[in-house]
Full PDB file with SEQRES, HELIX, SHEET, SSBOND, CRYST1, ORIGX, SCALE, CONECT and MASTER records, all heavy atoms in Angstrom:
SEQRES   1 A   34  THR THR ALA PHE PHE SER LEU GLU ARG LEU THR ALA TYR          
SEQRES   2 A   34  GLY ALA THR LYS ALA GLY ILE ILE HIS PHE THR ARG THR          
SEQRES   3 A   34  VAL ALA ARG GLU TRP ALA ASP ARG                              
HELIX    1 AA1 THR A   11  TRP A   31  1                                  21    
CRYST1    1.000    1.000    1.000  90.00  90.00  90.00 P 1           1          
ORIGX1      1.000000  0.000000  0.000000        0.00000                         
ORIGX2      0.000000  1.000000  0.000000        0.00000                         
ORIGX3      0.000000  0.000000  1.000000        0.00000                         
SCALE1      1.000000  0.000000  0.000000        0.00000                         
SCALE2      0.000000  1.000000  0.000000        0.00000                         
SCALE3      0.000000  0.000000  1.000000        0.00000                         
ATOM      1  N   THR A   1       0.202  13.908  12.545  1.00  0.00           N  
ATOM      2  CA  THR A   1      -0.535  12.657  12.279  1.00  0.00           C  
ATOM      3  C   THR A   1      -1.956  12.804  12.077  1.00  0.00           C  
ATOM      4  O   THR A   1      -2.601  11.926  11.434  1.00  0.00           O  
ATOM      5  CB  THR A   1      -0.272  11.724  13.555  1.00  0.00           C  
ATOM      6  OG1 THR A   1      -0.614  12.421  14.721  1.00  0.00           O  
ATOM      7  CG2 THR A   1       1.115  11.253  13.709  1.00  0.00           C  
ATOM      8  N   THR A   2      -2.532  14.033  12.420  1.00  0.00           N  
ATOM      9  CA  THR A   2      -3.940  14.194  12.228  1.00  0.00           C  
ATOM     10  C   THR A   2      -4.282  14.433  10.772  1.00  0.00           C  
ATOM     11  O   THR A   2      -5.323  14.532  10.361  1.00  0.00           O  
ATOM     12  CB  THR A   2      -4.416  15.448  12.993  1.00  0.00           C  
ATOM     13  OG1 THR A   2      -3.667  16.626  12.522  1.00  0.00           O  
ATOM     14  CG2 THR A   2      -4.294  15.327  14.458  1.00  0.00           C  
ATOM     15  N   ALA A   3      -3.192  14.423   9.899  1.00  0.00           N  
ATOM     16  CA  ALA A   3      -3.394  14.496   8.442  1.00  0.00           C  
ATOM     17  C   ALA A   3      -3.796  13.091   7.942  1.00  0.00           C  
ATOM     18  O   ALA A   3      -4.438  12.950   6.798  1.00  0.00           O  
ATOM     19  CB  ALA A   3      -2.112  14.755   7.718  1.00  0.00           C  
ATOM     20  N   PHE A   4      -3.695  12.061   8.748  1.00  0.00           N  
ATOM     21  CA  PHE A   4      -3.979  10.690   8.367  1.00  0.00           C  
ATOM     22  C   PHE A   4      -5.065  10.068   9.079  1.00  0.00           C  
ATOM     23  O   PHE A   4      -5.660   8.983   8.654  1.00  0.00           O  
ATOM     24  CB  PHE A   4      -2.665   9.840   8.445  1.00  0.00           C  
ATOM     25  CG  PHE A   4      -1.493  10.427   7.711  1.00  0.00           C  
ATOM     26  CD1 PHE A   4      -0.554  11.245   8.272  1.00  0.00           C  
ATOM     27  CD2 PHE A   4      -1.524  10.226   6.308  1.00  0.00           C  
ATOM     28  CE1 PHE A   4       0.512  11.791   7.517  1.00  0.00           C  
ATOM     29  CE2 PHE A   4      -0.412  10.788   5.544  1.00  0.00           C  
ATOM     30  CZ  PHE A   4       0.441  11.536   6.147  1.00  0.00           C  
ATOM     31  N   PHE A   5      -5.329  10.410  10.264  1.00  0.00           N  
ATOM     32  CA  PHE A   5      -6.504   9.858  11.094  1.00  0.00           C  
ATOM     33  C   PHE A   5      -7.197  10.973  11.823  1.00  0.00           C  
ATOM     34  O   PHE A   5      -6.625  12.061  12.132  1.00  0.00           O  
ATOM     35  CB  PHE A   5      -6.070   8.807  11.999  1.00  0.00           C  
ATOM     36  CG  PHE A   5      -5.288   9.248  13.188  1.00  0.00           C  
ATOM     37  CD1 PHE A   5      -5.863   9.599  14.348  1.00  0.00           C  
ATOM     38  CD2 PHE A   5      -3.803   9.343  13.116  1.00  0.00           C  
ATOM     39  CE1 PHE A   5      -5.204   9.960  15.487  1.00  0.00           C  
ATOM     40  CE2 PHE A   5      -3.096   9.897  14.241  1.00  0.00           C  
ATOM     41  CZ  PHE A   5      -3.774  10.122  15.332  1.00  0.00           C  
ATOM     42  N   SER A   6      -8.452  10.785  11.985  1.00  0.00           N  
ATOM     43  CA  SER A   6      -9.338  11.900  12.488  1.00  0.00           C  
ATOM     44  C   SER A   6      -9.350  11.957  14.083  1.00  0.00           C  
ATOM     45  O   SER A   6      -9.234  10.943  14.687  1.00  0.00           O  
ATOM     46  CB  SER A   6     -10.746  11.823  12.045  1.00  0.00           C  
ATOM     47  OG  SER A   6     -11.416  10.576  12.525  1.00  0.00           O  
ATOM     48  N   LEU A   7      -9.438  13.181  14.573  1.00  0.00           N  
ATOM     49  CA  LEU A   7      -9.561  13.434  15.996  1.00  0.00           C  
ATOM     50  C   LEU A   7     -10.829  14.346  16.110  1.00  0.00           C  
ATOM     51  O   LEU A   7     -10.896  15.398  15.514  1.00  0.00           O  
ATOM     52  CB  LEU A   7      -8.393  14.129  16.622  1.00  0.00           C  
ATOM     53  CG  LEU A   7      -7.146  13.267  16.817  1.00  0.00           C  
ATOM     54  CD1 LEU A   7      -5.972  14.165  17.356  1.00  0.00           C  
ATOM     55  CD2 LEU A   7      -7.560  12.152  17.704  1.00  0.00           C  
ATOM     56  N   GLU A   8     -11.782  13.892  16.866  1.00  0.00           N  
ATOM     57  CA  GLU A   8     -13.001  14.619  17.118  1.00  0.00           C  
ATOM     58  C   GLU A   8     -12.628  16.042  17.636  1.00  0.00           C  
ATOM     59  O   GLU A   8     -11.697  16.276  18.439  1.00  0.00           O  
ATOM     60  CB  GLU A   8     -13.872  13.974  18.164  1.00  0.00           C  
ATOM     61  CG  GLU A   8     -14.445  12.658  17.689  1.00  0.00           C  
ATOM     62  CD  GLU A   8     -15.260  11.968  18.640  1.00  0.00           C  
ATOM     63  OE1 GLU A   8     -15.335  12.447  19.861  1.00  0.00           O  
ATOM     64  OE2 GLU A   8     -15.969  10.963  18.469  1.00  0.00           O  
ATOM     65  N   ARG A   9     -13.433  16.980  17.053  1.00  0.00           N  
ATOM     66  CA  ARG A   9     -13.362  18.381  17.517  1.00  0.00           C  
ATOM     67  C   ARG A   9     -12.043  19.212  16.910  1.00  0.00           C  
ATOM     68  O   ARG A   9     -11.921  20.236  17.286  1.00  0.00           O  
ATOM     69  CB  ARG A   9     -13.426  18.661  18.957  1.00  0.00           C  
ATOM     70  CG  ARG A   9     -14.678  18.084  19.551  1.00  0.00           C  
ATOM     71  CD  ARG A   9     -14.631  18.244  21.169  1.00  0.00           C  
ATOM     72  NE  ARG A   9     -15.832  17.820  21.763  1.00  0.00           N  
ATOM     73  CZ  ARG A   9     -16.110  16.568  22.106  1.00  0.00           C  
ATOM     74  NH1 ARG A   9     -15.195  15.652  22.015  1.00  0.00           N  
ATOM     75  NH2 ARG A   9     -17.210  16.196  22.642  1.00  0.00           N  
ATOM     76  N   LEU A  10     -11.452  18.548  15.967  1.00  0.00           N  
ATOM     77  CA  LEU A  10     -10.281  19.169  15.452  1.00  0.00           C  
ATOM     78  C   LEU A  10     -10.323  19.076  13.901  1.00  0.00           C  
ATOM     79  O   LEU A  10      -9.380  18.868  13.200  1.00  0.00           O  
ATOM     80  CB  LEU A  10      -8.866  18.371  15.825  1.00  0.00           C  
ATOM     81  CG  LEU A  10      -8.484  18.703  17.314  1.00  0.00           C  
ATOM     82  CD1 LEU A  10      -7.209  17.833  17.597  1.00  0.00           C  
ATOM     83  CD2 LEU A  10      -8.214  20.109  17.468  1.00  0.00           C  
ATOM     84  N   THR A  11     -11.587  19.374  13.356  1.00  0.00           N  
ATOM     85  CA  THR A  11     -11.759  19.245  11.963  1.00  0.00           C  
ATOM     86  C   THR A  11     -10.851  20.235  11.150  1.00  0.00           C  
ATOM     87  O   THR A  11     -10.280  19.880  10.187  1.00  0.00           O  
ATOM     88  CB  THR A  11     -13.188  19.463  11.586  1.00  0.00           C  
ATOM     89  OG1 THR A  11     -13.710  20.575  12.176  1.00  0.00           O  
ATOM     90  CG2 THR A  11     -14.151  18.287  12.058  1.00  0.00           C  
ATOM     91  N   ALA A  12     -10.858  21.472  11.532  1.00  0.00           N  
ATOM     92  CA  ALA A  12     -10.024  22.535  10.887  1.00  0.00           C  
ATOM     93  C   ALA A  12      -8.529  22.158  10.841  1.00  0.00           C  
ATOM     94  O   ALA A  12      -7.877  22.205   9.869  1.00  0.00           O  
ATOM     95  CB  ALA A  12     -10.405  23.908  11.431  1.00  0.00           C  
ATOM     96  N   TYR A  13      -8.065  21.858  12.090  1.00  0.00           N  
ATOM     97  CA  TYR A  13      -6.622  21.514  12.268  1.00  0.00           C  
ATOM     98  C   TYR A  13      -6.314  20.400  11.401  1.00  0.00           C  
ATOM     99  O   TYR A  13      -5.222  20.401  10.589  1.00  0.00           O  
ATOM    100  CB  TYR A  13      -6.387  21.228  13.713  1.00  0.00           C  
ATOM    101  CG  TYR A  13      -4.923  20.999  13.944  1.00  0.00           C  
ATOM    102  CD1 TYR A  13      -4.016  21.969  14.108  1.00  0.00           C  
ATOM    103  CD2 TYR A  13      -4.397  19.715  14.274  1.00  0.00           C  
ATOM    104  CE1 TYR A  13      -2.721  21.766  14.341  1.00  0.00           C  
ATOM    105  CE2 TYR A  13      -3.120  19.365  14.533  1.00  0.00           C  
ATOM    106  CZ  TYR A  13      -2.184  20.551  14.648  1.00  0.00           C  
ATOM    107  OH  TYR A  13      -0.882  20.299  14.787  1.00  0.00           O  
ATOM    108  N   GLY A  14      -7.024  19.215  11.402  1.00  0.00           N  
ATOM    109  CA  GLY A  14      -6.681  18.107  10.716  1.00  0.00           C  
ATOM    110  C   GLY A  14      -6.778  18.353   9.202  1.00  0.00           C  
ATOM    111  O   GLY A  14      -6.022  17.876   8.385  1.00  0.00           O  
ATOM    112  N   ALA A  15      -7.767  19.129   8.635  1.00  0.00           N  
ATOM    113  CA  ALA A  15      -7.827  19.483   7.274  1.00  0.00           C  
ATOM    114  C   ALA A  15      -6.688  20.293   6.892  1.00  0.00           C  
ATOM    115  O   ALA A  15      -6.098  20.018   5.726  1.00  0.00           O  
ATOM    116  CB  ALA A  15      -9.139  20.294   7.018  1.00  0.00           C  
ATOM    117  N   THR A  16      -6.260  21.249   7.662  1.00  0.00           N  
ATOM    118  CA  THR A  16      -5.028  22.002   7.311  1.00  0.00           C  
ATOM    119  C   THR A  16      -3.812  21.120   7.126  1.00  0.00           C  
ATOM    120  O   THR A  16      -2.958  21.184   6.267  1.00  0.00           O  
ATOM    121  CB  THR A  16      -4.806  23.198   8.182  1.00  0.00           C  
ATOM    122  OG1 THR A  16      -4.575  22.702   9.531  1.00  0.00           O  
ATOM    123  CG2 THR A  16      -5.951  24.088   8.184  1.00  0.00           C  
ATOM    124  N   LYS A  17      -3.662  20.185   8.180  1.00  0.00           N  
ATOM    125  CA  LYS A  17      -2.428  19.366   8.133  1.00  0.00           C  
ATOM    126  C   LYS A  17      -2.410  18.259   7.042  1.00  0.00           C  
ATOM    127  O   LYS A  17      -1.417  18.022   6.453  1.00  0.00           O  
ATOM    128  CB  LYS A  17      -2.272  18.640   9.429  1.00  0.00           C  
ATOM    129  CG  LYS A  17      -2.027  19.563  10.712  1.00  0.00           C  
ATOM    130  CD  LYS A  17      -0.928  20.504  10.359  1.00  0.00           C  
ATOM    131  CE  LYS A  17      -0.503  21.284  11.693  1.00  0.00           C  
ATOM    132  NZ  LYS A  17       0.731  22.130  11.420  1.00  0.00           N  
ATOM    133  N   ALA A  18      -3.657  17.856   6.581  1.00  0.00           N  
ATOM    134  CA  ALA A  18      -3.743  17.043   5.465  1.00  0.00           C  
ATOM    135  C   ALA A  18      -3.357  17.871   4.198  1.00  0.00           C  
ATOM    136  O   ALA A  18      -2.706  17.439   3.203  1.00  0.00           O  
ATOM    137  CB  ALA A  18      -5.068  16.541   5.315  1.00  0.00           C  
ATOM    138  N   GLY A  19      -3.820  19.123   4.133  1.00  0.00           N  
ATOM    139  CA  GLY A  19      -3.503  19.983   3.101  1.00  0.00           C  
ATOM    140  C   GLY A  19      -1.975  20.315   2.843  1.00  0.00           C  
ATOM    141  O   GLY A  19      -1.586  20.429   1.754  1.00  0.00           O  
ATOM    142  N   ILE A  20      -1.360  20.393   4.057  1.00  0.00           N  
ATOM    143  CA  ILE A  20       0.052  20.704   4.022  1.00  0.00           C  
ATOM    144  C   ILE A  20       0.753  19.423   3.310  1.00  0.00           C  
ATOM    145  O   ILE A  20       1.780  19.636   2.675  1.00  0.00           O  
ATOM    146  CB  ILE A  20       0.625  20.882   5.396  1.00  0.00           C  
ATOM    147  CG1 ILE A  20       0.196  22.285   5.817  1.00  0.00           C  
ATOM    148  CG2 ILE A  20       2.057  20.762   5.456  1.00  0.00           C  
ATOM    149  CD1 ILE A  20       0.467  22.723   7.307  1.00  0.00           C  
ATOM    150  N   ILE A  21       0.335  18.240   3.526  1.00  0.00           N  
ATOM    151  CA  ILE A  21       0.910  17.049   2.939  1.00  0.00           C  
ATOM    152  C   ILE A  21       0.760  17.121   1.324  1.00  0.00           C  
ATOM    153  O   ILE A  21       1.815  16.999   0.669  1.00  0.00           O  
ATOM    154  CB  ILE A  21       0.181  15.777   3.350  1.00  0.00           C  
ATOM    155  CG1 ILE A  21       0.516  15.570   4.938  1.00  0.00           C  
ATOM    156  CG2 ILE A  21       0.667  14.598   2.621  1.00  0.00           C  
ATOM    157  CD1 ILE A  21       1.950  15.171   5.265  1.00  0.00           C  
ATOM    158  N   HIS A  22      -0.496  17.540   0.957  1.00  0.00           N  
ATOM    159  CA  HIS A  22      -0.588  17.621  -0.528  1.00  0.00           C  
ATOM    160  C   HIS A  22       0.203  18.759  -1.068  1.00  0.00           C  
ATOM    161  O   HIS A  22       0.867  18.606  -2.194  1.00  0.00           O  
ATOM    162  CB  HIS A  22      -2.015  17.715  -0.862  1.00  0.00           C  
ATOM    163  CG  HIS A  22      -2.310  17.604  -2.316  1.00  0.00           C  
ATOM    164  ND1 HIS A  22      -2.402  16.307  -2.956  1.00  0.00           N  
ATOM    165  CD2 HIS A  22      -2.453  18.579  -3.319  1.00  0.00           C  
ATOM    166  CE1 HIS A  22      -2.641  16.544  -4.234  1.00  0.00           C  
ATOM    167  NE2 HIS A  22      -2.669  17.780  -4.513  1.00  0.00           N  
ATOM    168  N   PHE A  23       0.212  19.828  -0.379  1.00  0.00           N  
ATOM    169  CA  PHE A  23       1.114  20.992  -0.878  1.00  0.00           C  
ATOM    170  C   PHE A  23       2.586  20.545  -0.889  1.00  0.00           C  
ATOM    171  O   PHE A  23       3.286  20.933  -1.854  1.00  0.00           O  
ATOM    172  CB  PHE A  23       0.886  22.149   0.184  1.00  0.00           C  
ATOM    173  CG  PHE A  23       1.733  23.364  -0.139  1.00  0.00           C  
ATOM    174  CD1 PHE A  23       1.383  24.299  -1.134  1.00  0.00           C  
ATOM    175  CD2 PHE A  23       2.908  23.578   0.613  1.00  0.00           C  
ATOM    176  CE1 PHE A  23       2.145  25.292  -1.335  1.00  0.00           C  
ATOM    177  CE2 PHE A  23       3.646  24.727   0.385  1.00  0.00           C  
ATOM    178  CZ  PHE A  23       3.322  25.526  -0.590  1.00  0.00           C  
ATOM    179  N   THR A  24       2.971  19.883   0.135  1.00  0.00           N  
ATOM    180  CA  THR A  24       4.336  19.327   0.087  1.00  0.00           C  
ATOM    181  C   THR A  24       4.683  18.530  -1.194  1.00  0.00           C  
ATOM    182  O   THR A  24       5.695  18.694  -1.800  1.00  0.00           O  
ATOM    183  CB  THR A  24       4.683  18.555   1.409  1.00  0.00           C  
ATOM    184  OG1 THR A  24       4.575  19.488   2.469  1.00  0.00           O  
ATOM    185  CG2 THR A  24       6.009  17.969   1.399  1.00  0.00           C  
ATOM    186  N   ARG A  25       3.836  17.629  -1.427  1.00  0.00           N  
ATOM    187  CA  ARG A  25       4.051  16.642  -2.508  1.00  0.00           C  
ATOM    188  C   ARG A  25       4.129  17.387  -3.906  1.00  0.00           C  
ATOM    189  O   ARG A  25       4.858  17.139  -4.734  1.00  0.00           O  
ATOM    190  CB  ARG A  25       2.965  15.625  -2.572  1.00  0.00           C  
ATOM    191  CG  ARG A  25       2.933  14.764  -1.284  1.00  0.00           C  
ATOM    192  CD  ARG A  25       1.793  13.751  -1.366  1.00  0.00           C  
ATOM    193  NE  ARG A  25       1.931  12.774  -2.460  1.00  0.00           N  
ATOM    194  CZ  ARG A  25       0.987  11.972  -2.760  1.00  0.00           C  
ATOM    195  NH1 ARG A  25      -0.178  11.927  -1.949  1.00  0.00           N  
ATOM    196  NH2 ARG A  25       1.079  11.070  -3.683  1.00  0.00           N  
ATOM    197  N   THR A  26       3.208  18.420  -3.982  1.00  0.00           N  
ATOM    198  CA  THR A  26       3.085  19.103  -5.300  1.00  0.00           C  
ATOM    199  C   THR A  26       4.243  19.932  -5.507  1.00  0.00           C  
ATOM    200  O   THR A  26       4.877  19.999  -6.577  1.00  0.00           O  
ATOM    201  CB  THR A  26       1.817  19.888  -5.377  1.00  0.00           C  
ATOM    202  OG1 THR A  26       0.595  19.007  -5.176  1.00  0.00           O  
ATOM    203  CG2 THR A  26       1.673  20.613  -6.693  1.00  0.00           C  
ATOM    204  N   VAL A  27       4.685  20.757  -4.507  1.00  0.00           N  
ATOM    205  CA  VAL A  27       5.839  21.733  -4.629  1.00  0.00           C  
ATOM    206  C   VAL A  27       7.142  20.851  -4.834  1.00  0.00           C  
ATOM    207  O   VAL A  27       8.009  21.122  -5.717  1.00  0.00           O  
ATOM    208  CB  VAL A  27       5.931  22.551  -3.473  1.00  0.00           C  
ATOM    209  CG1 VAL A  27       7.097  23.575  -3.581  1.00  0.00           C  
ATOM    210  CG2 VAL A  27       4.663  23.469  -3.237  1.00  0.00           C  
ATOM    211  N   ALA A  28       7.203  19.766  -4.209  1.00  0.00           N  
ATOM    212  CA  ALA A  28       8.402  18.875  -4.357  1.00  0.00           C  
ATOM    213  C   ALA A  28       8.559  18.537  -5.888  1.00  0.00           C  
ATOM    214  O   ALA A  28       9.712  18.419  -6.415  1.00  0.00           O  
ATOM    215  CB  ALA A  28       8.349  17.708  -3.427  1.00  0.00           C  
ATOM    216  N   ARG A  29       7.534  18.064  -6.395  1.00  0.00           N  
ATOM    217  CA  ARG A  29       7.486  17.699  -7.859  1.00  0.00           C  
ATOM    218  C   ARG A  29       7.816  18.809  -8.815  1.00  0.00           C  
ATOM    219  O   ARG A  29       8.574  18.790  -9.687  1.00  0.00           O  
ATOM    220  CB  ARG A  29       6.160  17.058  -8.182  1.00  0.00           C  
ATOM    221  CG  ARG A  29       6.137  16.553  -9.624  1.00  0.00           C  
ATOM    222  CD  ARG A  29       4.894  15.670  -9.895  1.00  0.00           C  
ATOM    223  NE  ARG A  29       5.044  14.321  -9.316  1.00  0.00           N  
ATOM    224  CZ  ARG A  29       5.693  13.336  -9.809  1.00  0.00           C  
ATOM    225  NH1 ARG A  29       6.449  13.513 -10.993  1.00  0.00           N  
ATOM    226  NH2 ARG A  29       5.843  12.181  -9.260  1.00  0.00           N  
ATOM    227  N   GLU A  30       7.170  19.952  -8.402  1.00  0.00           N  
ATOM    228  CA  GLU A  30       7.543  21.204  -9.220  1.00  0.00           C  
ATOM    229  C   GLU A  30       8.966  21.662  -9.149  1.00  0.00           C  
ATOM    230  O   GLU A  30       9.407  22.244 -10.154  1.00  0.00           O  
ATOM    231  CB  GLU A  30       6.526  22.299  -8.747  1.00  0.00           C  
ATOM    232  CG  GLU A  30       5.112  22.132  -9.090  1.00  0.00           C  
ATOM    233  CD  GLU A  30       4.188  23.273  -8.606  1.00  0.00           C  
ATOM    234  OE1 GLU A  30       4.728  24.204  -7.901  1.00  0.00           O  
ATOM    235  OE2 GLU A  30       2.950  23.277  -8.995  1.00  0.00           O  
ATOM    236  N   TRP A  31       9.553  21.545  -8.001  1.00  0.00           N  
ATOM    237  CA  TRP A  31      10.923  22.054  -7.812  1.00  0.00           C  
ATOM    238  C   TRP A  31      12.047  20.954  -7.920  1.00  0.00           C  
ATOM    239  O   TRP A  31      13.189  21.417  -7.915  1.00  0.00           O  
ATOM    240  CB  TRP A  31      10.970  22.748  -6.467  1.00  0.00           C  
ATOM    241  CG  TRP A  31      10.203  24.038  -6.446  1.00  0.00           C  
ATOM    242  CD1 TRP A  31       9.642  24.635  -7.550  1.00  0.00           C  
ATOM    243  CD2 TRP A  31      10.090  24.959  -5.266  1.00  0.00           C  
ATOM    244  NE1 TRP A  31       9.045  25.921  -7.128  1.00  0.00           N  
ATOM    245  CE2 TRP A  31       9.351  26.070  -5.767  1.00  0.00           C  
ATOM    246  CE3 TRP A  31      10.406  24.930  -4.022  1.00  0.00           C  
ATOM    247  CZ2 TRP A  31       9.000  27.086  -4.926  1.00  0.00           C  
ATOM    248  CZ3 TRP A  31      10.095  25.896  -3.113  1.00  0.00           C  
ATOM    249  CH2 TRP A  31       9.350  26.961  -3.598  1.00  0.00           C  
ATOM    250  N   ALA A  32      11.656  19.767  -7.981  1.00  0.00           N  
ATOM    251  CA  ALA A  32      12.709  18.664  -7.978  1.00  0.00           C  
ATOM    252  C   ALA A  32      13.767  18.897  -9.112  1.00  0.00           C  
ATOM    253  O   ALA A  32      15.083  18.722  -8.767  1.00  0.00           O  
ATOM    254  CB  ALA A  32      12.142  17.313  -8.114  1.00  0.00           C  
ATOM    255  N   ASP A  33      13.331  19.211 -10.252  1.00  0.00           N  
ATOM    256  CA  ASP A  33      14.323  19.325 -11.277  1.00  0.00           C  
ATOM    257  C   ASP A  33      15.141  20.692 -11.252  1.00  0.00           C  
ATOM    258  O   ASP A  33      16.019  20.854 -12.037  1.00  0.00           O  
ATOM    259  CB  ASP A  33      13.617  19.248 -12.682  1.00  0.00           C  
ATOM    260  CG  ASP A  33      12.686  20.404 -12.891  1.00  0.00           C  
ATOM    261  OD1 ASP A  33      12.296  21.155 -12.024  1.00  0.00           O  
ATOM    262  OD2 ASP A  33      12.212  20.593 -14.119  1.00  0.00           O  
ATOM    263  N   ARG A  34      14.802  21.437 -10.230  1.00  0.00           N  
ATOM    264  CA  ARG A  34      15.563  22.714  -9.984  1.00  0.00           C  
ATOM    265  C   ARG A  34      16.348  22.658  -8.738  1.00  0.00           C  
ATOM    266  O   ARG A  34      16.859  23.702  -8.237  1.00  0.00           O  
ATOM    267  CB  ARG A  34      14.638  23.995 -10.024  1.00  0.00           C  
ATOM    268  CG  ARG A  34      14.144  24.240 -11.480  1.00  0.00           C  
ATOM    269  CD  ARG A  34      13.254  25.441 -11.543  1.00  0.00           C  
ATOM    270  NE  ARG A  34      11.913  25.114 -11.093  1.00  0.00           N  
ATOM    271  CZ  ARG A  34      10.877  25.930 -11.030  1.00  0.00           C  
ATOM    272  NH1 ARG A  34      11.162  27.342 -11.299  1.00  0.00           N  
ATOM    273  NH2 ARG A  34       9.725  25.582 -10.656  1.00  0.00           N  
TER     274      ARG A  34                                                      
MASTER        0    0    0    1    0    0    0    6  273    1    0    3          
END                                                                             
């Protein structure tokens, strides 16, 4: 859930979890037709 709202002192963790969401969306689009 830190991908969507901020928690103080967890900037790196939250940034990585938000990045995982975008990674998920992109790879899903790249691989859907396969």
